C-alpha atoms as a PDB file:
ATOM      1  CA  MET A   1      11.108 150.239 126.275  1.00  0.00           C
ATOM      2  CA  ALA A   2      10.720 146.877 127.630  1.00  0.00           C
ATOM      3  CA  THR A   3       9.674 144.062 125.521  1.00  0.00           C
ATOM      4  CA  LEU A   4       6.366 142.782 126.699  1.00  0.00           C
ATOM      5  CA  ASN A   5       4.628 138.975 126.645  1.00  0.00           C
ATOM      6  CA  ASN A   6       1.105 138.758 125.864  1.00  0.00           C
ATOM      7  CA  LYS A   7       0.069 138.288 128.916  1.00  0.00           C
ATOM      8  CA  VAL A   8       1.727 141.335 130.192  1.00  0.00           C
ATOM      9  CA  LYS A   9       0.548 142.879 127.478  1.00  0.00           C
ATOM     10  CA  ALA A  10      -3.324 142.316 128.462  1.00  0.00           C
ATOM     11  CA  PHE A  11      -2.785 143.188 131.847  1.00  0.00           C
ATOM     12  CA  ILE A  12      -1.983 146.879 130.673  1.00  0.00           C
ATOM     13  CA  VAL A  13      -5.182 146.834 128.395  1.00  0.00           C
ATOM     14  CA  GLN A  14      -7.182 145.458 131.036  1.00  0.00           C
ATOM     15  CA  GLY A  15      -5.507 148.127 133.142  1.00  0.00           C
ATOM     16  CA  LEU A  16      -6.307 150.910 130.766  1.00  0.00           C
ATOM     17  CA  ALA A  17     -10.010 149.537 129.628  1.00  0.00           C
ATOM     18  CA  THR A  18     -11.206 149.617 133.405  1.00  0.00           C
ATOM     19  CA  TYR A  19      -9.867 153.675 133.784  1.00  0.00           C
ATOM     20  CA  MET A  20      -6.931 153.272 135.397  1.00  0.00           C
ATOM     21  CA  THR A  21      -4.401 155.656 134.912  1.00  0.00           C
ATOM     22  CA  PRO A  22      -1.055 154.907 132.961  1.00  0.00           C
ATOM     23  CA  SER A  23       0.826 155.179 136.073  1.00  0.00           C
ATOM     24  CA  GLU A  24      -1.837 152.904 138.088  1.00  0.00           C
ATOM     25  CA  VAL A  25      -1.119 150.595 135.390  1.00  0.00           C
ATOM     26  CA  ALA A  26       2.984 150.565 135.179  1.00  0.00           C
ATOM     27  CA  GLU A  27       3.019 150.101 139.101  1.00  0.00           C
ATOM     28  CA  ALA A  28       0.721 147.328 138.848  1.00  0.00           C
ATOM     29  CA  VAL A  29       3.066 146.079 135.883  1.00  0.00           C
ATOM     30  CA  LYS A  30       6.106 146.125 138.240  1.00  0.00           C
ATOM     31  CA  GLN A  31       4.233 144.480 141.429  1.00  0.00           C
ATOM     32  CA  GLU A  32       2.637 141.416 139.640  1.00  0.00           C
ATOM     33  CA  PHE A  33       4.820 140.675 136.621  1.00  0.00           C
ATOM     34  CA  ASP A  34       8.578 142.717 138.080  1.00  0.00           C
ATOM     35  CA  VAL A  35       8.264 144.742 134.455  1.00  0.00           C
ATOM     36  CA  VAL A  36       9.445 148.374 134.902  1.00  0.00           C
ATOM     37  CA  VAL A  37       7.473 150.443 131.912  1.00  0.00           C
ATOM     38  CA  SER A  38       7.098 153.888 131.533  1.00  0.00           C
ATOM     39  CA  ARG A  39       3.768 155.495 131.246  1.00  0.00           C
ATOM     40  CA  GLN A  40       4.762 156.041 127.748  1.00  0.00           C
ATOM     41  CA  GLN A  41       4.692 152.704 127.394  1.00  0.00           C
ATOM     42  CA  VAL A  42       1.744 152.179 128.432  1.00  0.00           C
ATOM     43  CA  SER A  43      -0.212 154.889 126.795  1.00  0.00           C
ATOM     44  CA  CYS A  44       0.638 153.143 123.929  1.00  0.00           C
ATOM     45  CA  TYR A  45      -2.166 150.424 124.451  1.00  0.00           C
ATOM     46  CA  ASP A  46      -5.283 152.621 124.894  1.00  0.00           C
ATOM     47  CA  PRO A  47      -6.862 153.122 121.451  1.00  0.00           C
ATOM     48  CA  GLY A  48      -8.349 156.402 122.941  1.00  0.00           C
ATOM     49  CA  LYS A  49      -5.114 158.404 123.100  1.00  0.00           C
ATOM     50  CA  ALA A  50      -2.728 159.540 120.369  1.00  0.00           C
ATOM     51  CA  ALA A  51      -0.022 157.493 121.281  1.00  0.00           C
ATOM     52  CA  GLY A  52      -2.140 153.969 120.873  1.00  0.00           C
ATOM     53  CA  ILE A  53      -3.124 155.478 117.360  1.00  0.00           C
ATOM     54  CA  ASN A  54      -1.317 152.418 115.814  1.00  0.00           C
ATOM     55  CA  LEU A  55      -2.446 149.891 118.093  1.00  0.00           C
ATOM     56  CA  SER A  56      -3.670 146.302 116.483  1.00  0.00           C
ATOM     57  CA  LYS A  57      -7.045 145.506 115.932  1.00  0.00           C
ATOM     58  CA  THR A  58      -6.453 142.361 118.774  1.00  0.00           C
ATOM     59  CA  TRP A  59      -5.314 144.919 121.157  1.00  0.00           C
ATOM     60  CA  LYS A  60      -8.005 147.521 120.321  1.00  0.00           C
ATOM     61  CA  ASP A  61     -10.774 144.176 120.307  1.00  0.00           C
ATOM     62  CA  LEU A  62      -9.563 143.321 123.700  1.00  0.00           C
ATOM     63  CA  PHE A  63      -9.921 146.905 125.180  1.00  0.00           C
ATOM     64  CA  LYS A  64     -13.561 147.109 123.863  1.00  0.00           C
ATOM     65  CA  GLN A  65     -14.201 143.931 125.363  1.00  0.00           C
ATOM     66  CA  PHE A  66     -12.469 144.552 128.883  1.00  0.00           C
ATOM     67  CA  ARG A  67     -14.632 148.131 128.324  1.00  0.00           C
ATOM     68  CA  ASP A  68     -17.768 146.676 127.746  1.00  0.00           C
ATOM     69  CA  ASP A  69     -17.464 144.269 130.247  1.00  0.00           C
ATOM     70  CA  PHE A  70     -16.275 146.692 133.064  1.00  0.00           C
ATOM     71  CA  ASN A  71     -19.052 148.938 131.889  1.00  0.00           C
ATOM     72  CA  ASN A  72     -21.841 146.034 131.934  1.00  0.00           C
ATOM     73  CA  ASP A  73     -20.997 145.132 135.265  1.00  0.00           C
ATOM     74  CA  ILE A  74     -20.790 148.765 137.105  1.00  0.00           C
ATOM     75  CA  GLN A  75     -24.478 149.412 135.157  1.00  0.00           C
ATOM     76  CA  ALA A  76     -25.361 146.040 136.938  1.00  0.00           C
ATOM     77  CA  ILE A  77     -24.256 146.960 140.167  1.00  0.00           C
ATOM     78  CA  ARG A  78     -26.096 150.384 140.113  1.00  0.00           C
ATOM     79  CA  SER A  79     -29.209 149.079 138.855  1.00  0.00           C
ATOM     80  CA  GLU A  80     -29.829 146.735 142.000  1.00  0.00           C
END
């Protein structure tokens, strides 16, 4: 399992919060940071999945913030 810095972790959380699949996020991490992560490791950053049950409050809060912002942006586009 790759050791990840906070920038990579935040990138993973943002990807998952914006409805990317773990496979898509893993590929994006490889392209963006040249770091190989597994789908399973990525899944650990999704608080809605069993793998993310032990995710820290910091990352859960960030996930919620990204998810809320994303959904609000989608709603704004739909109502235009």
